[in-house]
Protein backbone atom coordinates (compact mmCIF):
# COMPACT_ATOMS: atom_id res chain seq x y z
CA MET A 1 0.00 0.00 0.00
CA THR A 2 1.24 3.49 -0.80
CA ASP A 3 2.01 5.61 2.22
CA GLY A 4 -0.03 8.75 2.62
CA PRO A 5 1.46 12.21 3.09
CA GLY A 6 3.22 12.52 6.40
CA GLN A 7 2.49 8.88 7.24
CA GLU A 8 5.48 7.08 5.79
CA GLU A 9 5.87 3.61 7.34
CA HIS A 10 3.27 4.25 10.02
CA ASP A 11 0.49 3.44 7.57
CA ALA A 12 -0.53 -0.02 6.38
CA ALA A 13 1.76 -1.90 8.75
CA PRO A 14 0.23 -5.34 8.18
CA ASP A 15 2.23 -5.91 4.99
CA ALA A 16 3.98 -8.67 6.93
CA ALA A 17 0.76 -10.61 7.35
CA ARG A 18 0.70 -13.95 5.59
CA SER A 19 -2.28 -16.14 4.76
CA VAL A 20 -2.65 -19.12 7.05
CA PRO A 21 -2.99 -22.47 5.30
CA GLN A 22 -6.57 -23.68 5.46
CA ASP A 23 -5.75 -26.42 7.95
CA ALA A 24 -3.38 -24.50 10.17
CA SER A 25 -3.33 -22.04 13.00
CA LEU A 26 0.04 -20.56 13.84
CA SER A 27 0.57 -19.24 17.32
CA ARG A 28 3.15 -17.27 19.22
CA ARG A 29 3.05 -16.99 22.94
CA GLY A 30 3.89 -14.23 25.37
CA ILE A 31 5.12 -15.22 28.82
CA LEU A 32 5.37 -12.72 31.63
CA GLY A 33 7.23 -13.17 34.87
CA LEU A 34 7.49 -10.93 37.87
CA GLY A 35 10.94 -9.43 38.20
CA ALA A 36 12.71 -7.93 41.20
CA GLY A 37 10.84 -5.07 42.79
CA GLY A 38 7.54 -6.27 41.36
CA ALA A 39 8.21 -5.12 37.79
CA ALA A 40 6.40 -7.39 35.35
CA LEU A 41 8.85 -8.33 32.63
CA LEU A 42 8.20 -9.98 29.32
CA LEU A 43 10.32 -13.11 29.36
CA ALA A 44 9.37 -15.08 26.26
CA GLY A 45 7.34 -14.83 23.14
CA THR A 46 7.23 -17.85 20.88
CA ALA A 47 7.47 -21.58 21.03
CA GLY A 48 7.86 -21.78 17.27
CA LEU A 49 5.28 -22.26 14.57
CA VAL A 50 2.69 -24.72 15.75
CA HIS A 51 0.12 -26.23 13.43
CA ALA A 52 -3.20 -26.77 15.17
CA ARG A 53 -5.04 -28.72 12.54
CA SER A 54 -8.80 -28.64 12.50
CA GLY A 55 -10.09 -32.19 12.40
CA ASP A 56 -6.92 -33.43 10.74
CA GLY A 57 -4.65 -36.20 11.97
CA ARG A 58 -7.07 -37.44 14.60
CA ALA A 59 -6.83 -40.97 15.96
CA ALA A 60 -9.24 -43.45 14.40
CA SER A 61 -10.15 -41.01 11.64
CA ALA A 62 -10.26 -43.43 8.72
CA LYS A 63 -13.58 -43.52 6.94
CA ALA A 64 -15.50 -46.62 7.87
CA THR A 65 -17.42 -48.80 5.52
CA ARG A 66 -21.07 -49.15 6.33
CA ALA A 67 -23.86 -51.52 5.53
CA ALA A 68 -25.88 -50.48 2.53
CA GLY A 69 -29.27 -49.00 3.43
CA SER A 70 -28.35 -47.98 6.98
CA PHE A 71 -27.10 -44.44 7.53
CA HIS A 72 -27.45 -41.80 4.81
CA PRO A 73 -25.69 -38.40 4.90
CA ASP A 74 -28.99 -36.64 4.29
CA ALA A 75 -30.11 -37.73 7.75
CA ALA A 76 -27.20 -35.93 9.36
CA GLY A 77 -27.64 -32.93 7.09
CA ASP A 78 -31.24 -32.49 8.20
CA ILE A 79 -30.31 -32.70 11.88
CA LEU A 80 -27.48 -30.21 11.53
CA ALA A 81 -29.69 -27.79 9.62
CA ASN A 82 -32.31 -28.00 12.38
CA ARG A 83 -29.66 -27.16 14.97
CA ALA A 84 -28.49 -24.12 13.03
CA ARG A 85 -32.06 -22.84 12.66
CA ALA A 86 -32.68 -23.35 16.36
CA VAL A 87 -29.61 -21.31 17.29
CA SER A 88 -30.54 -18.54 14.86
CA ARG A 89 -34.15 -18.33 16.06
CA GLY A 90 -33.45 -18.79 19.74
CA ASP A 91 -35.44 -22.04 19.88
CA ARG A 92 -33.85 -23.93 22.77
CA ALA A 93 -36.43 -26.74 22.68
CA ALA A 94 -35.77 -27.43 19.00
CA PHE A 95 -32.02 -27.53 19.57
CA LEU A 96 -32.31 -29.95 22.48
CA ALA A 97 -34.77 -32.10 20.54
CA THR A 98 -31.84 -33.10 18.30
CA VAL A 99 -30.21 -34.80 21.32
CA GLY A 100 -33.38 -35.96 23.05
CA SER A 101 -32.34 -39.63 23.01
CA ALA A 102 -28.77 -39.02 24.22
CA PRO A 103 -27.53 -39.82 27.75
CA ALA A 104 -28.40 -37.18 30.35
CA ALA A 105 -24.81 -35.96 30.69
CA PHE A 106 -24.54 -35.28 26.95
CA GLN A 107 -27.91 -33.54 26.92
CA LYS A 108 -26.74 -31.31 29.77
CA ALA A 109 -23.56 -30.45 27.89
CA GLN A 110 -25.54 -29.62 24.76
CA ALA A 111 -27.86 -27.41 26.77
CA GLY A 112 -24.79 -25.53 27.99
CA LEU A 113 -23.52 -25.30 24.42
CA TYR A 114 -26.80 -23.80 23.24
CA ASP A 115 -26.91 -21.28 26.07
CA ASN A 116 -23.33 -20.18 25.35
CA LEU A 117 -23.98 -19.86 21.63
CA ARG A 118 -26.93 -17.60 22.31
CA ARG A 119 -24.74 -15.35 24.46
CA LEU A 120 -22.24 -14.82 21.65
CA PRO A 121 -22.64 -12.07 19.01
CA LEU A 122 -22.84 -14.61 16.22
CA ASP A 123 -23.13 -13.68 12.59
CA GLY A 124 -24.25 -17.16 11.63
CA TRP A 125 -23.49 -20.55 13.19
CA ARG A 126 -23.89 -23.81 11.36
CA GLU A 127 -22.62 -27.37 11.26
CA HIS A 128 -21.65 -28.83 7.90
CA LEU A 129 -21.32 -32.60 7.39
CA VAL A 130 -17.83 -33.54 6.20
CA ASP A 131 -17.76 -37.33 6.21
CA THR A 132 -18.52 -40.53 8.08
CA GLN A 133 -15.86 -41.61 10.55
CA HIS A 134 -17.16 -44.85 12.03
CA THR A 135 -20.18 -47.15 11.84
CA ASP A 136 -21.03 -49.81 14.42
CA ALA A 137 -23.39 -52.30 12.82
CA ALA A 138 -24.35 -53.91 16.13
CA SER A 139 -25.48 -50.68 17.83
CA GLU A 140 -26.42 -48.93 14.56
CA VAL A 141 -24.41 -45.89 15.72
CA THR A 142 -22.66 -43.83 13.06
CA VAL A 143 -20.04 -41.23 13.97
CA VAL A 144 -19.78 -38.27 11.60
CA ARG A 145 -17.33 -35.43 11.33
CA ALA A 146 -18.94 -32.01 11.11
CA GLU A 147 -17.35 -28.66 10.44
CA VAL A 148 -18.70 -25.85 12.61
CA ARG A 149 -18.63 -22.49 10.87
CA TYR A 150 -19.32 -19.12 12.46
CA ARG A 151 -18.41 -15.44 12.57
CA LEU A 152 -18.29 -13.04 15.49
CA LYS A 153 -20.32 -10.02 14.45
CA GLY A 154 -18.31 -6.84 14.09
CA PHE A 155 -14.94 -8.59 14.45
CA ASP A 156 -14.56 -11.55 12.09
CA ARG A 157 -14.27 -10.84 8.39
CA HIS A 158 -14.58 -14.47 7.38
CA GLU A 159 -16.04 -17.65 8.82
CA VAL A 160 -14.00 -19.62 11.32
CA ALA A 161 -14.02 -23.43 11.00
CA ARG A 162 -13.84 -25.93 13.85
CA THR A 163 -14.30 -29.70 13.83
CA ARG A 164 -16.94 -31.59 15.85
CA TYR A 165 -17.72 -35.30 15.99
CA LEU A 166 -21.28 -36.48 16.52
CA SER A 167 -22.69 -39.97 17.04
CA LEU A 168 -26.04 -40.60 15.38
CA ALA A 169 -28.45 -43.52 15.75
CA PRO A 170 -31.96 -44.40 14.54
CA ARG A 171 -34.63 -43.70 17.14
CA SER A 172 -38.43 -43.71 16.70
CA GLY A 173 -38.28 -43.93 12.95
CA GLY A 174 -35.66 -41.23 12.45
CA TRP A 175 -32.04 -40.40 13.18
CA THR A 176 -30.94 -38.42 16.21
CA ILE A 177 -27.73 -37.40 17.95
CA VAL A 178 -26.79 -39.74 20.79
CA GLY A 179 -23.30 -38.52 21.69
CA ASP A 180 -19.95 -37.32 20.39
CA GLY A 181 -16.89 -39.18 19.12
CA THR A 182 -14.95 -39.64 22.34
CA SER A 183 -15.71 -43.36 22.64
CA HIS A 184 -13.93 -43.81 19.30
CA GLY A 185 -10.91 -41.66 20.19
CA LEU A 186 -12.18 -38.65 18.25
CA ALA A 187 -11.68 -35.30 19.96
CA ASP A 188 -13.42 -32.07 18.99
CA ASP A 189 -11.50 -28.88 18.33
CA ALA A 190 -11.65 -26.75 21.45
CA GLU A 191 -13.76 -23.61 21.50
CA ILE A 192 -14.50 -21.03 24.16
CA TRP A 193 -18.10 -22.21 24.39
CA ASP A 194 -16.88 -25.57 25.73
CA GLY A 195 -16.33 -24.06 29.19
CA GLY A 196 -18.81 -22.81 31.75
CA PRO A 197 -21.51 -20.16 31.24
CA LEU A 198 -20.02 -17.42 29.10
CA THR A 199 -19.85 -13.72 29.79
CA VAL A 200 -19.44 -11.44 26.80
CA VAL A 201 -18.05 -7.93 27.25
CA HIS A 202 -18.02 -5.41 24.41
CA GLY A 203 -15.21 -2.91 24.88
CA ARG A 204 -14.57 0.18 22.82
CA SER A 205 -12.18 -1.76 20.57
CA SER A 206 -12.43 -5.26 21.97
CA LEU A 207 -14.67 -8.26 22.41
CA VAL A 208 -13.85 -10.32 25.50
CA VAL A 209 -15.47 -13.73 25.89
CA GLY A 210 -15.01 -16.30 28.62
CA ASP A 211 -16.20 -17.97 31.79
CA ALA A 212 -13.49 -16.42 33.98
CA SER A 213 -14.15 -13.45 36.23
CA GLY A 214 -13.06 -9.86 35.68
CA LEU A 215 -13.75 -9.66 31.95
CA ASP A 216 -14.60 -5.96 32.19
CA GLY A 217 -11.03 -5.31 33.31
CA PHE A 218 -9.61 -7.31 30.41
CA ALA A 219 -11.70 -5.26 27.99
CA ARG A 220 -10.48 -1.99 29.49
CA SER A 221 -6.87 -3.14 29.28
CA LEU A 222 -7.23 -4.23 25.65
CA ASP A 223 -8.94 -0.97 24.75
CA ALA A 224 -6.03 0.92 26.29
CA ALA A 225 -3.48 -1.22 24.42
CA VAL A 226 -4.97 -0.59 20.97
CA PRO A 227 -3.79 3.05 20.66
CA VAL A 228 -0.38 2.09 22.05
CA VAL A 229 0.05 -0.36 19.19
CA THR A 230 -1.48 1.95 16.60
CA ARG A 231 0.89 4.78 17.55
CA VAL A 232 3.82 2.64 16.42
CA VAL A 233 2.48 0.43 13.63
CA GLY A 234 0.00 2.87 12.15
CA ARG A 235 -3.72 2.72 11.46
CA GLY A 236 -3.54 0.10 8.72
CA TRP A 237 -4.97 -2.69 10.89
CA ALA A 238 -8.43 -3.42 12.24
CA GLN A 239 -7.65 -1.71 15.58
CA ARG A 240 -9.84 -4.18 17.41
CA ALA A 241 -9.29 -7.54 19.04
CA VAL A 242 -11.11 -10.64 20.26
CA ALA A 243 -9.88 -12.08 23.55
CA LEU A 244 -10.83 -15.50 24.93
CA VAL A 245 -10.57 -15.88 28.70
CA PRO A 246 -11.35 -19.43 29.87
CA ALA A 247 -11.40 -20.14 33.60
CA ASP A 248 -10.01 -23.63 33.07
CA ALA A 249 -6.28 -23.74 32.29
CA ARG A 250 -6.81 -26.97 30.34
CA LEU A 251 -9.25 -25.25 27.99
CA ALA A 252 -6.82 -22.35 27.58
CA THR A 253 -4.12 -24.83 26.56
CA ALA A 254 -6.49 -26.57 24.14
CA LEU A 255 -7.46 -23.25 22.57
CA ALA A 256 -3.77 -22.43 22.12
CA GLY A 257 -3.27 -25.44 19.87
CA GLN A 258 -0.85 -28.33 19.63
CA GLY A 259 2.41 -28.06 21.49
CA GLN A 260 1.39 -25.10 23.62
CA ASP A 261 1.28 -25.08 27.42
CA LEU A 262 -0.34 -22.07 29.02
CA GLY A 263 0.65 -23.07 32.53
CA ALA A 264 3.19 -20.24 32.74
CA ILE A 265 1.87 -18.07 29.93
CA ALA A 266 -0.10 -14.91 30.52
CA ALA A 267 -1.45 -14.41 27.00
CA LEU A 268 -0.99 -15.71 23.49
CA ALA A 269 -1.86 -14.46 20.02
CA THR A 270 -3.16 -17.16 17.72
CA VAL A 271 -5.15 -17.54 14.53
CA ALA A 272 -8.41 -19.47 14.28
CA PRO A 273 -8.47 -21.42 10.99
CA PRO A 274 -10.77 -20.20 8.22
CA ALA A 275 -13.62 -22.00 6.51
CA GLY A 276 -12.18 -22.19 3.00
CA GLU A 277 -9.68 -19.68 1.68
CA GLY A 278 -8.70 -16.76 3.83
CA PRO A 279 -6.20 -15.58 6.41
CA GLY A 280 -8.03 -16.89 9.49
CA GLU A 281 -9.18 -14.76 12.38
CA ASP A 282 -6.96 -13.40 15.13
CA ARG A 283 -7.61 -14.31 18.75
CA VAL A 284 -5.80 -13.38 21.94
CA ILE A 285 -6.03 -16.16 24.50
CA ILE A 286 -5.60 -15.02 28.09
CA SER A 287 -4.61 -17.47 30.80
CA PRO A 288 -6.29 -15.80 33.79
CA GLY A 289 -4.30 -17.62 36.48
CA THR A 290 -0.94 -16.45 35.17
CA PHE A 291 -2.24 -13.11 33.96
CA GLY A 292 -3.74 -12.42 37.39
CA ARG A 293 -0.32 -12.68 39.04
CA LEU A 294 1.00 -9.74 37.02
CA ASN A 295 0.99 -6.17 38.21
CA ALA A 296 -0.59 -3.40 36.15
CA LEU A 297 2.60 -2.76 34.17
CA GLY A 298 2.94 -6.42 33.31
CA ARG A 299 -0.64 -6.62 32.06
CA ASP A 300 -0.16 -3.54 29.89
CA VAL A 301 3.09 -4.85 28.38
CA VAL A 302 1.84 -8.32 27.56
CA LEU A 303 -1.41 -7.16 25.97
CA ALA A 304 0.38 -4.56 23.83
CA HIS A 305 2.88 -7.28 22.86
CA GLU A 306 0.14 -9.68 21.74
CA LEU A 307 -1.84 -6.96 19.97
CA THR A 308 1.30 -6.09 18.04
CA HIS A 309 1.24 -9.64 16.68
CA VAL A 310 -2.41 -9.12 15.74
CA ALA A 311 -1.71 -5.76 14.08
CA THR A 312 1.28 -6.98 12.06
CA GLY A 313 0.21 -10.54 11.31
CA GLY A 314 3.00 -11.83 13.54
CA ALA A 315 1.02 -14.91 14.52
CA ARG A 316 0.96 -16.09 10.90
CA ASP A 317 4.24 -14.67 9.57
CA ARG A 318 6.69 -17.27 8.28
CA THR A 319 9.10 -14.84 6.66
CA THR A 320 10.25 -12.27 9.24
CA PRO A 321 13.05 -13.47 11.56
CA LEU A 322 11.81 -14.35 15.04
CA TRP A 323 14.21 -11.94 16.69
CA LEU A 324 12.53 -9.12 14.81
CA ILE A 325 8.96 -10.36 15.31
CA GLU A 326 9.33 -10.77 19.06
CA GLY A 327 11.73 -7.91 19.60
CA PHE A 328 9.39 -5.55 17.77
CA ALA A 329 6.41 -6.74 19.84
CA ASP A 330 8.43 -6.11 23.01
CA TYR A 331 9.48 -2.70 21.70
CA VAL A 332 5.83 -1.73 21.28
CA GLY A 333 4.87 -3.31 24.59
CA TYR A 334 7.48 -1.39 26.55
CA SER A 335 7.06 1.90 24.67
CA GLY A 336 5.86 4.67 26.92
CA THR A 337 6.10 2.61 30.11
CA GLY A 338 9.20 4.36 31.42
CA ILE A 339 10.73 1.08 32.56
CA THR A 340 14.51 1.09 32.57
CA VAL A 341 16.58 -1.23 30.40
CA ARG A 342 18.25 -2.80 33.42
CA SER A 343 14.90 -3.56 35.03
CA ALA A 344 13.40 -5.07 31.91
CA ALA A 345 16.53 -7.06 30.95
CA GLY A 346 17.85 -8.13 34.32
CA GLU A 347 19.03 -11.58 33.31
CA LEU A 348 20.89 -10.30 30.27
CA ALA A 349 22.33 -7.40 32.26
CA ARG A 350 23.92 -9.81 34.72
CA GLU A 351 25.53 -11.74 31.89
CA VAL A 352 26.87 -8.62 30.17
CA ALA A 353 28.17 -7.20 33.44
CA ALA A 354 30.08 -10.45 33.90
CA GLY A 355 31.65 -10.06 30.46
CA ARG A 356 29.40 -12.55 28.66
CA VAL A 357 28.17 -10.45 25.75
CA PRO A 358 26.18 -12.50 23.21
CA ALA A 359 28.03 -13.06 19.96
CA ALA A 360 25.01 -13.16 17.66
CA LEU A 361 21.35 -12.24 17.50
CA PRO A 362 19.12 -15.07 18.77
CA ASP A 363 18.10 -17.64 16.17
CA ALA A 364 14.77 -19.47 15.98
CA ALA A 365 15.91 -22.24 18.35
CA ALA A 366 16.59 -19.64 21.04
CA PHE A 367 12.85 -18.90 21.23
CA THR A 368 11.71 -22.45 21.92
CA GLY A 369 10.57 -23.59 25.34
CA ALA A 370 13.63 -25.83 25.59
CA SER A 371 16.03 -22.92 25.30
CA PRO A 372 18.08 -22.45 28.50
CA ARG A 373 18.32 -18.71 27.79
CA LEU A 374 14.74 -18.03 26.82
CA SER A 375 14.45 -14.86 28.90
CA GLN A 376 17.74 -13.50 27.61
CA SER A 377 16.75 -14.25 24.00
CA TYR A 378 13.73 -12.00 24.29
CA GLN A 379 15.71 -9.31 26.01
CA GLU A 380 18.33 -9.50 23.25
CA ALA A 381 15.66 -9.21 20.56
CA TRP A 382 13.98 -6.28 22.31
CA LEU A 383 17.26 -4.40 22.69
CA ALA A 384 18.12 -4.99 19.03
CA CYS A 385 14.88 -3.27 18.05
CA ARG A 386 15.35 -0.57 20.67
CA MET A 387 18.84 0.10 19.35
CA ILE A 388 17.53 0.43 15.78
CA ALA A 389 14.84 2.88 16.92
CA ASP A 390 17.33 4.89 18.98
CA ARG A 391 19.92 5.06 16.21
CA TYR A 392 17.76 5.32 13.07
CA GLY A 393 14.34 6.35 14.34
CA GLU A 394 11.14 4.48 15.08
CA ALA A 395 9.84 4.93 11.54
CA THR A 396 12.93 3.12 10.23
CA LEU A 397 12.34 0.25 12.64
CA VAL A 398 8.80 -0.06 11.31
CA ARG A 399 10.15 0.10 7.73
CA LEU A 400 12.57 -2.72 8.53
CA TYR A 401 9.80 -4.84 10.03
CA ARG A 402 7.59 -4.38 7.01
CA ALA A 403 10.42 -5.10 4.58
CA ALA A 404 11.40 -8.29 6.42
CA GLY A 405 7.92 -9.67 5.77
CA ARG A 406 8.45 -9.38 2.01
CA VAL A 407 12.13 -10.04 1.36
CA SER A 408 15.07 -11.83 2.92
CA GLU A 409 16.57 -10.61 6.16
CA ALA A 410 19.74 -9.53 4.39
CA ALA A 411 17.78 -7.52 1.81
CA ALA A 412 15.61 -5.92 4.48
CA LEU A 413 18.62 -4.85 6.53
CA ARG A 414 20.33 -3.43 3.45
CA ASP A 415 17.27 -1.58 2.19
CA ALA A 416 16.05 -0.17 5.52
CA LEU A 417 19.31 0.36 7.40
CA GLY A 418 22.10 0.13 4.84
CA LEU A 419 23.69 -2.58 7.01
CA THR A 420 24.84 -6.15 6.71
CA ARG A 421 23.85 -8.55 9.45
CA ASP A 422 27.43 -8.60 10.72
CA ARG A 423 27.49 -4.83 11.01
CA LEU A 424 24.09 -4.80 12.76
CA THR A 425 25.37 -7.41 15.18
CA ALA A 426 28.47 -5.36 15.98
CA LEU A 427 26.40 -2.24 16.63
CA TRP A 428 23.98 -4.23 18.80
CA ARG A 429 26.79 -5.75 20.88
CA ASP A 430 28.21 -2.28 21.53
CA TYR A 431 24.71 -1.11 22.49
CA LEU A 432 24.33 -3.96 25.00
CA LYS A 433 27.63 -3.03 26.64
CA LYS A 434 26.61 0.61 26.85
CA GLU A 435 23.11 -0.02 28.22
CA LEU A 436 23.73 -2.99 30.53
CA ARG A 437 27.23 -2.66 32.00
């Protein structure tokens, strides 16, 4: 996009955004810890690119053969259509009639599902039959895979797709839902409506959904973070965010996707997979237990960090180096806070003071959960971006970030800074010595 007069690189920042493959959701995670003196410090940002496939690669997912004349897909299609109409019209009885022959526990869960769906600002909700997963001739039960599609009104541009498994059986001359796919090792994709009774809070620039307490506060914090991010990256993003706040840490982990563990993570930016072609929809998942242990500064930093990923497409970017993605998010998160470098980079400061100055910018492996210097890697990345902004200006840092989403790292450094990576590294090492010794 062409920059407008006086805007330069502060307009249309999401050039780095990349389309998410239809079956993938890429996530980056922000971890906050409490440093000395109570300062909340951003310690880590990404565990790598994690593919959270929707209904793909499940155990026991091979299509089963079935006896001719038993189950027909039209039967499932009719049931699923009835459920969608019931949700749209607010007909609770009609929705529950589709599970009227199921065990009491499943009926109760479906009643909770309906109630949660009705609390959400849905712009459509429907279940689409994908295929048959299993047929048990003895019990006449057929397990089908359905794709749930929905949009959150005012926030989602395209439909989100999630996978559900339903067990159907003939009852009283027709087919009805009698359970899910768990008895066959088939697990549904997690969604926020799988928890307890939902609360939905509409902020000025945010939609906060969850069964945890204090959602009004989350909405206020997100609303406050939006202009912080916009001041740096420009107005060329939606300037709004959807946050999911489950009370159950296990649901938070499931929402985060494969390979993620939100036990020590305050918040995480992820992408819900699209129905068909499209970039997917951004979500910020908040782990309330960890988030609640942060002070006000920590909450502000982590939410601005995650919203930077939303604004720049960082949660789906496979081109920009991780040191720049996470360092830039930290740069935005810390901007305007007044926190000192030594306070925010305590671990790295101790190493530098002892003469152990890092030889190179952190590579992708340095940002994995197995890295022994995870905290230092994020501090190194942040200070690299801070050094670029101090030396060349914030607009140049934004220009570098945008360029790195389109071209190689070497080309981006040359075009934006006129530097090689070796020269950048030398300048950065000198900056660390100056700021941390």
